[in-house]
């Protein structure tokens, strides 16, 4: 097996999560959620001054990437930061940087 193939293959699992971070609004949403246990879409809309539909789409992407959890509750659904997923993503990035920067 190619020595370089294994770390690259491992990093593929993190790709959707990294992609979810590729928009400034989603980074702001994560920062907003980091300061709370959970909040509804309306709370994020008020904080970011974005259209509700835009915030909903960004939240959907973050949920699908596994960085945010979604809990349907009445009258409003609740979103929360998945801290364990972010910790794992941080380790993935650290591994990638160490691998890429290691002496040849």
PDB file of N, CA and C in Angstrom:
ATOM      1  N   UNK A   1       0.836  -1.186   0.000  1.00  0.00           N
ATOM      2  CA  UNK A   1       0.000   0.000   0.000  1.00  0.00           C
ATOM      3  C   UNK A   1       0.879   1.246   0.000  1.00  0.00           C
ATOM      4  N   UNK A   2       0.478   2.247  -0.727  1.00  0.00           N
ATOM      5  CA  UNK A   2       1.180   3.510  -0.792  1.00  0.00           C
ATOM      6  C   UNK A   2       1.102   4.198   0.570  1.00  0.00           C
ATOM      7  N   UNK A   3       2.231   4.632   1.090  1.00  0.00           N
ATOM      8  CA  UNK A   3       2.285   5.262   2.407  1.00  0.00           C
ATOM      9  C   UNK A   3       1.465   6.547   2.431  1.00  0.00           C
ATOM     10  N   UNK A   4       1.436   7.269   1.334  1.00  0.00           N
ATOM     11  CA  UNK A   4       0.698   8.534   1.289  1.00  0.00           C
ATOM     12  C   UNK A   4      -0.803   8.326   1.172  1.00  0.00           C
ATOM     13  N   UNK A   5      -1.249   7.201   0.707  1.00  0.00           N
ATOM     14  CA  UNK A   5      -2.674   6.985   0.461  1.00  0.00           C
ATOM     15  C   UNK A   5      -3.490   6.937   1.744  1.00  0.00           C
ATOM     16  N   UNK A   6      -2.954   6.367   2.790  1.00  0.00           N
ATOM     17  CA  UNK A   6      -3.740   6.193   4.020  1.00  0.00           C
ATOM     18  C   UNK A   6      -4.175   7.521   4.646  1.00  0.00           C
ATOM     19  N   UNK A   7      -3.260   8.483   4.903  1.00  0.00           N
ATOM     20  CA  UNK A   7      -3.719   9.750   5.483  1.00  0.00           C
ATOM     21  C   UNK A   7      -4.680  10.497   4.572  1.00  0.00           C
ATOM     22  N   UNK A   8      -4.494  10.412   3.282  1.00  0.00           N
ATOM     23  CA  UNK A   8      -5.404  11.092   2.367  1.00  0.00           C
ATOM     24  C   UNK A   8      -6.782  10.447   2.431  1.00  0.00           C
ATOM     25  N   UNK A   9      -6.832   9.141   2.460  1.00  0.00           N
ATOM     26  CA  UNK A   9      -8.107   8.431   2.550  1.00  0.00           C
ATOM     27  C   UNK A   9      -8.828   8.795   3.847  1.00  0.00           C
ATOM     28  N   UNK A  10      -8.104   8.856   4.951  1.00  0.00           N
ATOM     29  CA  UNK A  10      -8.703   9.198   6.237  1.00  0.00           C
ATOM     30  C   UNK A  10      -9.328  10.587   6.197  1.00  0.00           C
ATOM     31  N   UNK A  11      -8.707  11.517   5.528  1.00  0.00           N
ATOM     32  CA  UNK A  11      -9.196  12.884   5.478  1.00  0.00           C
ATOM     33  C   UNK A  11     -10.485  13.057   4.697  1.00  0.00           C
ATOM     34  N   UNK A  12     -10.844  12.075   3.879  1.00  0.00           N
ATOM     35  CA  UNK A  12     -12.054  12.204   3.074  1.00  0.00           C
ATOM     36  C   UNK A  12     -13.305  12.265   3.935  1.00  0.00           C
ATOM     37  N   UNK A  13     -13.300  11.641   5.093  1.00  0.00           N
ATOM     38  CA  UNK A  13     -14.460  11.692   5.978  1.00  0.00           C
ATOM     39  C   UNK A  13     -14.736  13.106   6.468  1.00  0.00           C
ATOM     40  N   UNK A  14     -13.710  13.912   6.591  1.00  0.00           N
ATOM     41  CA  UNK A  14     -13.850  15.271   7.103  1.00  0.00           C
ATOM     42  C   UNK A  14     -14.230  16.277   6.022  1.00  0.00           C
ATOM     43  N   UNK A  15     -14.124  15.897   4.764  1.00  0.00           N
ATOM     44  CA  UNK A  15     -14.344  16.850   3.670  1.00  0.00           C
ATOM     45  C   UNK A  15     -15.693  17.557   3.730  1.00  0.00           C
ATOM     46  N   UNK A  16     -16.823  16.857   3.963  1.00  0.00           N
ATOM     47  CA  UNK A  16     -18.105  17.578   4.037  1.00  0.00           C
ATOM     48  C   UNK A  16     -18.154  18.577   5.193  1.00  0.00           C
ATOM     49  N   UNK A  17     -17.489  18.258   6.272  1.00  0.00           N
ATOM     50  CA  UNK A  17     -17.466  19.187   7.410  1.00  0.00           C
ATOM     51  C   UNK A  17     -16.633  20.414   7.082  1.00  0.00           C
ATOM     52  N   UNK A  18     -15.483  20.200   6.450  1.00  0.00           N
ATOM     53  CA  UNK A  18     -14.675  21.352   6.039  1.00  0.00           C
ATOM     54  C   UNK A  18     -15.435  22.202   5.030  1.00  0.00           C
ATOM     55  N   UNK A  19     -16.140  21.569   4.113  1.00  0.00           N
ATOM     56  CA  UNK A  19     -16.912  22.308   3.115  1.00  0.00           C
ATOM     57  C   UNK A  19     -17.990  23.162   3.775  1.00  0.00           C
ATOM     58  N   UNK A  20     -18.589  22.639   4.842  1.00  0.00           N
ATOM     59  CA  UNK A  20     -19.634  23.396   5.543  1.00  0.00           C
ATOM     60  C   UNK A  20     -19.076  24.654   6.185  1.00  0.00           C
ATOM     61  N   UNK A  21     -17.790  24.680   6.450  1.00  0.00           N
ATOM     62  CA  UNK A  21     -17.165  25.848   7.068  1.00  0.00           C
ATOM     63  C   UNK A  21     -16.745  26.900   6.043  1.00  0.00           C
ATOM     64  N   UNK A  22     -16.993  26.634   4.775  1.00  0.00           N
ATOM     65  CA  UNK A  22     -16.476  27.482   3.699  1.00  0.00           C
ATOM     66  C   UNK A  22     -17.344  28.703   3.403  1.00  0.00           C
ATOM     67  N   UNK A  23     -18.190  29.098   4.329  1.00  0.00           N
ATOM     68  CA  UNK A  23     -19.009  30.294   4.126  1.00  0.00           C
ATOM     69  C   UNK A  23     -18.970  31.142   5.388  1.00  0.00           C
ATOM     70  N   UNK A  24     -18.714  32.443   5.255  1.00  0.00           N
ATOM     71  CA  UNK A  24     -18.617  33.304   6.440  1.00  0.00           C
ATOM     72  C   UNK A  24     -19.877  33.286   7.319  1.00  0.00           C
ATOM     73  N   UNK A  25     -21.041  33.207   6.723  1.00  0.00           N
ATOM     74  CA  UNK A  25     -22.274  33.191   7.520  1.00  0.00           C
ATOM     75  C   UNK A  25     -22.346  31.939   8.396  1.00  0.00           C
ATOM     76  N   UNK A  26     -21.897  30.815   7.869  1.00  0.00           N
ATOM     77  CA  UNK A  26     -21.930  29.581   8.662  1.00  0.00           C
ATOM     78  C   UNK A  26     -20.932  29.643   9.812  1.00  0.00           C
ATOM     79  N   UNK A  27     -19.800  30.289   9.600  1.00  0.00           N
ATOM     80  CA  UNK A  27     -18.855  30.476  10.696  1.00  0.00           C
ATOM     81  C   UNK A  27     -19.458  31.364  11.780  1.00  0.00           C
ATOM     82  N   UNK A  28     -20.177  32.393  11.369  1.00  0.00           N
ATOM     83  CA  UNK A  28     -20.855  33.265  12.344  1.00  0.00           C
ATOM     84  C   UNK A  28     -21.926  32.498  13.106  1.00  0.00           C
ATOM     85  N   UNK A  29     -22.647  31.644  12.408  1.00  0.00           N
ATOM     86  CA  UNK A  29     -23.681  30.834  13.066  1.00  0.00           C
ATOM     87  C   UNK A  29     -23.043  29.924  14.108  1.00  0.00           C
ATOM     88  N   UNK A  30     -21.925  29.288  13.762  1.00  0.00           N
ATOM     89  CA  UNK A  30     -21.245  28.424  14.723  1.00  0.00           C
ATOM     90  C   UNK A  30     -20.797  29.213  15.947  1.00  0.00           C
ATOM     91  N   UNK A  31     -20.264  30.392  15.743  1.00  0.00           N
ATOM     92  CA  UNK A  31     -19.850  31.233  16.874  1.00  0.00           C
ATOM     93  C   UNK A  31     -21.054  31.616  17.738  1.00  0.00           C
ATOM     94  N   UNK A  32     -22.158  31.913  17.089  1.00  0.00           N
ATOM     95  CA  UNK A  32     -23.388  32.259  17.823  1.00  0.00           C
ATOM     96  C   UNK A  32     -23.851  31.062  18.665  1.00  0.00           C
ATOM     97  N   UNK A  33     -23.868  29.895  18.065  1.00  0.00           N
ATOM     98  CA  UNK A  33     -24.312  28.700  18.780  1.00  0.00           C
ATOM     99  C   UNK A  33     -23.340  28.312  19.897  1.00  0.00           C
ATOM    100  N   UNK A  34     -22.081  28.638  19.740  1.00  0.00           N
ATOM    101  CA  UNK A  34     -21.079  28.288  20.750  1.00  0.00           C
ATOM    102  C   UNK A  34     -21.330  29.001  22.076  1.00  0.00           C
ATOM    103  N   UNK A  35     -22.052  30.096  22.042  1.00  0.00           N
ATOM    104  CA  UNK A  35     -22.321  30.875  23.251  1.00  0.00           C
ATOM    105  C   UNK A  35     -23.612  30.459  23.949  1.00  0.00           C
ATOM    106  N   UNK A  36     -24.298  29.440  23.410  1.00  0.00           N
ATOM    107  CA  UNK A  36     -25.590  29.025  23.937  1.00  0.00           C
ATOM    108  C   UNK A  36     -25.683  27.517  24.022  1.00  0.00           C
ATOM    109  N   UNK A  37     -26.625  27.067  24.828  1.00  0.00           N
ATOM    110  CA  UNK A  37     -26.904  25.630  24.846  1.00  0.00           C
ATOM    111  C   UNK A  37     -27.621  25.240  23.558  1.00  0.00           C
ATOM    112  N   UNK A  38     -28.577  26.068  23.147  1.00  0.00           N
ATOM    113  CA  UNK A  38     -29.344  25.846  21.915  1.00  0.00           C
ATOM    114  C   UNK A  38     -30.128  27.115  21.615  1.00  0.00           C
ATOM    115  N   UNK A  39     -30.549  27.260  20.378  1.00  0.00           N
ATOM    116  CA  UNK A  39     -31.396  28.398  20.014  1.00  0.00           C
ATOM    117  C   UNK A  39     -32.209  28.042  18.773  1.00  0.00           C
ATOM    118  N   UNK A  40     -33.179  28.869  18.469  1.00  0.00           N
ATOM    119  CA  UNK A  40     -34.017  28.637  17.299  1.00  0.00           C
ATOM    120  C   UNK A  40     -33.490  29.466  16.124  1.00  0.00           C
ATOM    121  N   UNK A  41     -34.003  29.187  14.969  1.00  0.00           N
ATOM    122  CA  UNK A  41     -33.580  29.879  13.747  1.00  0.00           C
ATOM    123  C   UNK A  41     -33.801  31.385  13.884  1.00  0.00           C
ATOM    124  N   UNK A  42     -34.903  31.775  14.487  1.00  0.00           N
ATOM    125  CA  UNK A  42     -35.228  33.195  14.653  1.00  0.00           C
ATOM    126  C   UNK A  42     -34.132  33.926  15.430  1.00  0.00           C
ATOM    127  N   UNK A  43     -33.584  33.281  16.454  1.00  0.00           N
ATOM    128  CA  UNK A  43     -32.495  33.888  17.229  1.00  0.00           C
ATOM    129  C   UNK A  43     -31.290  34.179  16.344  1.00  0.00           C
ATOM    130  N   UNK A  44     -30.982  33.255  15.456  1.00  0.00           N
ATOM    131  CA  UNK A  44     -29.840  33.426  14.561  1.00  0.00           C
ATOM    132  C   UNK A  44     -30.136  34.529  13.542  1.00  0.00           C
ATOM    133  N   UNK A  45     -31.354  34.556  13.038  1.00  0.00           N
ATOM    134  CA  UNK A  45     -31.755  35.591  12.074  1.00  0.00           C
ATOM    135  C   UNK A  45     -31.564  36.976  12.687  1.00  0.00           C
ATOM    136  N   UNK A  46     -32.020  37.149  13.916  1.00  0.00           N
ATOM    137  CA  UNK A  46     -31.895  38.447  14.587  1.00  0.00           C
ATOM    138  C   UNK A  46     -30.444  38.835  14.818  1.00  0.00           C
ATOM    139  N   UNK A  47     -29.625  37.856  15.099  1.00  0.00           N
ATOM    140  CA  UNK A  47     -28.212  38.119  15.387  1.00  0.00           C
ATOM    141  C   UNK A  47     -27.427  38.475  14.122  1.00  0.00           C
ATOM    142  N   UNK A  48     -27.725  37.802  13.010  1.00  0.00           N
ATOM    143  CA  UNK A  48     -26.934  37.969  11.796  1.00  0.00           C
ATOM    144  C   UNK A  48     -27.542  38.905  10.775  1.00  0.00           C
ATOM    145  N   UNK A  49     -28.770  39.303  10.993  1.00  0.00           N
ATOM    146  CA  UNK A  49     -29.450  40.198  10.055  1.00  0.00           C
ATOM    147  C   UNK A  49     -29.461  39.620   8.636  1.00  0.00           C
ATOM    148  N   UNK A  50     -29.806  38.334   8.550  1.00  0.00           N
ATOM    149  CA  UNK A  50     -29.969  37.654   7.271  1.00  0.00           C
ATOM    150  C   UNK A  50     -31.414  37.202   7.156  1.00  0.00           C
ATOM    151  N   UNK A  51     -31.865  36.962   5.948  1.00  0.00           N
ATOM    152  CA  UNK A  51     -33.227  36.471   5.736  1.00  0.00           C
ATOM    153  C   UNK A  51     -33.391  35.109   6.405  1.00  0.00           C
ATOM    154  N   UNK A  52     -34.587  34.856   6.879  1.00  0.00           N
ATOM    155  CA  UNK A  52     -34.870  33.588   7.554  1.00  0.00           C
ATOM    156  C   UNK A  52     -34.573  32.405   6.638  1.00  0.00           C
ATOM    157  N   UNK A  53     -34.921  32.518   5.372  1.00  0.00           N
ATOM    158  CA  UNK A  53     -34.674  31.413   4.439  1.00  0.00           C
ATOM    159  C   UNK A  53     -33.174  31.156   4.260  1.00  0.00           C
ATOM    160  N   UNK A  54     -32.388  32.220   4.274  1.00  0.00           N
ATOM    161  CA  UNK A  54     -30.933  32.089   4.145  1.00  0.00           C
ATOM    162  C   UNK A  54     -30.350  31.395   5.370  1.00  0.00           C
ATOM    163  N   UNK A  55     -30.773  31.826   6.545  1.00  0.00           N
ATOM    164  CA  UNK A  55     -30.291  31.206   7.779  1.00  0.00           C
ATOM    165  C   UNK A  55     -30.709  29.745   7.832  1.00  0.00           C
ATOM    166  N   UNK A  56     -31.939  29.459   7.444  1.00  0.00           N
ATOM    167  CA  UNK A  56     -32.414  28.072   7.443  1.00  0.00           C
ATOM    168  C   UNK A  56     -31.554  27.194   6.540  1.00  0.00           C
ATOM    169  N   UNK A  57     -31.201  27.704   5.379  1.00  0.00           N
ATOM    170  CA  UNK A  57     -30.363  26.939   4.451  1.00  0.00           C
ATOM    171  C   UNK A  57     -28.974  26.694   5.044  1.00  0.00           C
ATOM    172  N   UNK A  58     -28.394  27.721   5.657  1.00  0.00           N
ATOM    173  CA  UNK A  58     -27.079  27.551   6.275  1.00  0.00           C
ATOM    174  C   UNK A  58     -27.148  26.555   7.433  1.00  0.00           C
ATOM    175  N   UNK A  59     -28.185  26.638   8.249  1.00  0.00           N
ATOM    176  CA  UNK A  59     -28.348  25.688   9.346  1.00  0.00           C
ATOM    177  C   UNK A  59     -28.504  24.264   8.817  1.00  0.00           C
ATOM    178  N   UNK A  60     -29.237  24.122   7.733  1.00  0.00           N
ATOM    179  CA  UNK A  60     -29.426  22.796   7.129  1.00  0.00           C
ATOM    180  C   UNK A  60     -28.082  22.205   6.711  1.00  0.00           C
ATOM    181  N   UNK A  61     -27.241  23.006   6.107  1.00  0.00           N
ATOM    182  CA  UNK A  61     -25.917  22.546   5.672  1.00  0.00           C
ATOM    183  C   UNK A  61     -25.074  22.133   6.875  1.00  0.00           C
ATOM    184  N   UNK A  62     -25.124  22.926   7.940  1.00  0.00           N
ATOM    185  CA  UNK A  62     -24.365  22.609   9.143  1.00  0.00           C
ATOM    186  C   UNK A  62     -24.876  21.335   9.814  1.00  0.00           C
ATOM    187  N   UNK A  63     -26.187  21.135   9.797  1.00  0.00           N
ATOM    188  CA  UNK A  63     -26.773  19.913  10.362  1.00  0.00           C
ATOM    189  C   UNK A  63     -26.357  18.706   9.520  1.00  0.00           C
ATOM    190  N   UNK A  64     -26.479  18.817   8.194  1.00  0.00           N
ATOM    191  CA  UNK A  64     -26.109  17.712   7.308  1.00  0.00           C
ATOM    192  C   UNK A  64     -24.637  17.349   7.435  1.00  0.00           C
ATOM    193  N   UNK A  65     -23.797  18.337   7.725  1.00  0.00           N
ATOM    194  CA  UNK A  65     -22.363  18.085   7.892  1.00  0.00           C
ATOM    195  C   UNK A  65     -22.057  17.493   9.268  1.00  0.00           C
ATOM    196  N   UNK A  66     -23.042  17.510  10.144  1.00  0.00           N
ATOM    197  CA  UNK A  66     -22.843  16.942  11.473  1.00  0.00           C
ATOM    198  C   UNK A  66     -22.200  17.881  12.469  1.00  0.00           C
ATOM    199  N   UNK A  67     -22.149  19.160  12.159  1.00  0.00           N
ATOM    200  CA  UNK A  67     -21.549  20.138  13.069  1.00  0.00           C
ATOM    201  C   UNK A  67     -22.562  20.758  14.017  1.00  0.00           C
ATOM    202  N   UNK A  68     -23.825  20.675  13.660  1.00  0.00           N
ATOM    203  CA  UNK A  68     -24.918  21.237  14.460  1.00  0.00           C
ATOM    204  C   UNK A  68     -25.990  20.166  14.600  1.00  0.00           C
ATOM    205  N   UNK A  69     -26.599  20.115  15.765  1.00  0.00           N
ATOM    206  CA  UNK A  69     -27.707  19.184  15.973  1.00  0.00           C
ATOM    207  C   UNK A  69     -29.025  19.930  15.854  1.00  0.00           C
ATOM    208  N   UNK A  70     -30.043  19.208  15.447  1.00  0.00           N
ATOM    209  CA  UNK A  70     -31.386  19.760  15.243  1.00  0.00           C
ATOM    210  C   UNK A  70     -32.359  18.965  16.102  1.00  0.00           C
ATOM    211  N   UNK A  71     -33.164  19.678  16.859  1.00  0.00           N
ATOM    212  CA  UNK A  71     -34.148  19.035  17.727  1.00  0.00           C
ATOM    213  C   UNK A  71     -35.497  19.717  17.508  1.00  0.00           C
ATOM    214  N   UNK A  72     -36.427  19.036  16.832  1.00  0.00           N
ATOM    215  CA  UNK A  72     -37.734  19.662  16.609  1.00  0.00           C
ATOM    216  C   UNK A  72     -38.504  19.770  17.922  1.00  0.00           C
ATOM    217  N   UNK A  73     -38.885  20.969  18.268  1.00  0.00           N
ATOM    218  CA  UNK A  73     -39.673  21.229  19.473  1.00  0.00           C
ATOM    219  C   UNK A  73     -40.746  22.246  19.112  1.00  0.00           C
ATOM    220  N   UNK A  74     -41.817  22.188  19.819  1.00  0.00           N
ATOM    221  CA  UNK A  74     -42.864  23.184  19.607  1.00  0.00           C
ATOM    222  C   UNK A  74     -42.697  24.305  20.603  1.00  0.00           C
ATOM    223  N   UNK A  75     -42.852  25.537  20.256  1.00  0.00           N
ATOM    224  CA  UNK A  75     -43.253  26.021  18.942  1.00  0.00           C
ATOM    225  C   UNK A  75     -42.086  26.217  17.975  1.00  0.00           C
ATOM    226  N   UNK A  76     -40.863  26.137  18.477  1.00  0.00           N
ATOM    227  CA  UNK A  76     -39.700  26.360  17.599  1.00  0.00           C
ATOM    228  C   UNK A  76     -38.699  25.222  17.727  1.00  0.00           C
ATOM    229  N   UNK A  77     -38.091  24.882  16.617  1.00  0.00           N
ATOM    230  CA  UNK A  77     -37.037  23.866  16.615  1.00  0.00           C
ATOM    231  C   UNK A  77     -35.773  24.467  17.220  1.00  0.00           C
ATOM    232  N   UNK A  78     -34.952  23.609  17.783  1.00  0.00           N
ATOM    233  CA  UNK A  78     -33.745  24.060  18.466  1.00  0.00           C
ATOM    234  C   UNK A  78     -32.495  23.529  17.748  1.00  0.00           C
ATOM    235  N   UNK A  79     -31.527  24.390  17.622  1.00  0.00           N
ATOM    236  CA  UNK A  79     -30.239  24.044  17.029  1.00  0.00           C
ATOM    237  C   UNK A  79     -29.162  24.208  18.094  1.00  0.00           C
ATOM    238  N   UNK A  80     -28.208  23.286  18.078  1.00  0.00           N
ATOM    239  CA  UNK A  80     -27.112  23.350  19.041  1.00  0.00           C
ATOM    240  C   UNK A  80     -25.814  22.931  18.369  1.00  0.00           C
ATOM    241  N   UNK A  81     -24.745  23.495  18.843  1.00  0.00           N
ATOM    242  CA  UNK A  81     -23.425  23.145  18.345  1.00  0.00           C
ATOM    243  C   UNK A  81     -23.078  21.735  18.791  1.00  0.00           C
ATOM    244  N   UNK A  82     -22.567  20.929  17.880  1.00  0.00           N
ATOM    245  CA  UNK A  82     -22.098  19.593  18.233  1.00  0.00           C
ATOM    246  C   UNK A  82     -20.606  19.718  18.549  1.00  0.00           C
ATOM    247  N   UNK A  83     -20.317  19.938  19.806  1.00  0.00           N
ATOM    248  CA  UNK A  83     -18.939  20.194  20.230  1.00  0.00           C
ATOM    249  C   UNK A  83     -18.024  18.999  19.983  1.00  0.00           C
ATOM    250  N   UNK A  84     -18.552  17.806  20.128  1.00  0.00           N
ATOM    251  CA  UNK A  84     -17.743  16.610  19.876  1.00  0.00           C
ATOM    252  C   UNK A  84     -17.337  16.539  18.402  1.00  0.00           C
ATOM    253  N   UNK A  85     -18.258  16.874  17.513  1.00  0.00           N
ATOM    254  CA  UNK A  85     -17.948  16.857  16.077  1.00  0.00           C
ATOM    255  C   UNK A  85     -16.895  17.908  15.737  1.00  0.00           C
ATOM    256  N   UNK A  86     -16.987  19.077  16.349  1.00  0.00           N
ATOM    257  CA  UNK A  86     -15.989  20.117  16.099  1.00  0.00           C
ATOM    258  C   UNK A  86     -14.625  19.726  16.659  1.00  0.00           C
ATOM    259  N   UNK A  87     -14.622  19.066  17.791  1.00  0.00           N
ATOM    260  CA  UNK A  87     -13.358  18.585  18.354  1.00  0.00           C
ATOM    261  C   UNK A  87     -12.719  17.569  17.417  1.00  0.00           C
ATOM    262  N   UNK A  88     -13.526  16.670  16.889  1.00  0.00           N
ATOM    263  CA  UNK A  88     -13.027  15.676  15.937  1.00  0.00           C
ATOM    264  C   UNK A  88     -12.498  16.344  14.673  1.00  0.00           C
ATOM    265  N   UNK A  89     -13.212  17.348  14.191  1.00  0.00           N
ATOM    266  CA  UNK A  89     -12.776  18.071  12.999  1.00  0.00           C
ATOM    267  C   UNK A  89     -11.461  18.797  13.265  1.00  0.00           C
ATOM    268  N   UNK A  90     -11.310  19.335  14.443  1.00  0.00           N
ATOM    269  CA  UNK A  90     -10.068  19.997  14.819  1.00  0.00           C
ATOM    270  C   UNK A  90      -8.901  19.012  14.793  1.00  0.00           C
ATOM    271  N   UNK A  91      -9.140  17.809  15.295  1.00  0.00           N
ATOM    272  CA  UNK A  91      -8.095  16.771  15.249  1.00  0.00           C
ATOM    273  C   UNK A  91      -7.767  16.398  13.807  1.00  0.00           C
ATOM    274  N   UNK A  92      -8.804  16.299  12.966  1.00  0.00           N
ATOM    275  CA  UNK A  92      -8.573  15.980  11.550  1.00  0.00           C
ATOM    276  C   UNK A  92      -7.703  17.041  10.886  1.00  0.00           C
ATOM    277  N   UNK A  93      -7.990  18.301  11.171  1.00  0.00           N
ATOM    278  CA  UNK A  93      -7.203  19.387  10.588  1.00  0.00           C
ATOM    279  C   UNK A  93      -5.781  19.357  11.130  1.00  0.00           C
ATOM    280  N   UNK A  94      -5.642  19.126  12.413  1.00  0.00           N
ATOM    281  CA  UNK A  94      -4.313  19.032  13.012  1.00  0.00           C
ATOM    282  C   UNK A  94      -3.510  17.901  12.372  1.00  0.00           C
ATOM    283  N   UNK A  95      -4.144  16.738  12.188  1.00  0.00           N
ATOM    284  CA  UNK A  95      -3.476  15.606  11.542  1.00  0.00           C
ATOM    285  C   UNK A  95      -3.041  15.955  10.121  1.00  0.00           C
ATOM    286  N   UNK A  96      -3.914  16.627   9.391  1.00  0.00           N
ATOM    287  CA  UNK A  96      -3.600  17.011   8.020  1.00  0.00           C
ATOM    288  C   UNK A  96      -2.407  17.969   7.974  1.00  0.00           C
ATOM    289  N   UNK A  97      -2.431  18.960   8.838  1.00  0.00           N
ATOM    290  CA  UNK A  97      -1.340  19.941   8.858  1.00  0.00           C
ATOM    291  C   UNK A  97      -0.023  19.276   9.249  1.00  0.00           C
ATOM    292  N   UNK A  98      -0.057  18.427  10.265  1.00  0.00           N
ATOM    293  CA  UNK A  98       1.176  17.725  10.669  1.00  0.00           C
ATOM    294  C   UNK A  98       1.691  16.831   9.552  1.00  0.00           C
ATOM    295  N   UNK A  99       0.784  16.144   8.857  1.00  0.00           N
ATOM    296  CA  UNK A  99       1.191  15.262   7.764  1.00  0.00           C
ATOM    297  C   UNK A  99       1.810  16.089   6.627  1.00  0.00           C
ATOM    298  N   UNK A 100       1.155  17.178   6.267  1.00  0.00           N
ATOM    299  CA  UNK A 100       1.636  17.979   5.138  1.00  0.00           C
ATOM    300  C   UNK A 100       2.925  18.725   5.465  1.00  0.00           C
ATOM    301  N   UNK A 101       3.132  19.042   6.725  1.00  0.00           N
ATOM    302  CA  UNK A 101       4.306  19.807   7.110  1.00  0.00           C
ATOM    303  C   UNK A 101       5.454  18.951   7.619  1.00  0.00           C
ATOM    304  N   UNK A 102       5.237  17.646   7.683  1.00  0.00           N
ATOM    305  CA  UNK A 102       6.289  16.742   8.172  1.00  0.00           C
ATOM    306  C   UNK A 102       7.455  16.717   7.201  1.00  0.00           C
ATOM    307  N   UNK A 103       8.644  16.565   7.739  1.00  0.00           N
ATOM    308  CA  UNK A 103       9.817  16.460   6.838  1.00  0.00           C
ATOM    309  C   UNK A 103       9.651  15.246   5.922  1.00  0.00           C
ATOM    310  N   UNK A 104      10.137  15.382   4.732  1.00  0.00           N
ATOM    311  CA  UNK A 104      10.022  14.292   3.757  1.00  0.00           C
ATOM    312  C   UNK A 104      11.044  13.236   3.999  1.00  0.00           C
TER     313      UNK A 104
END
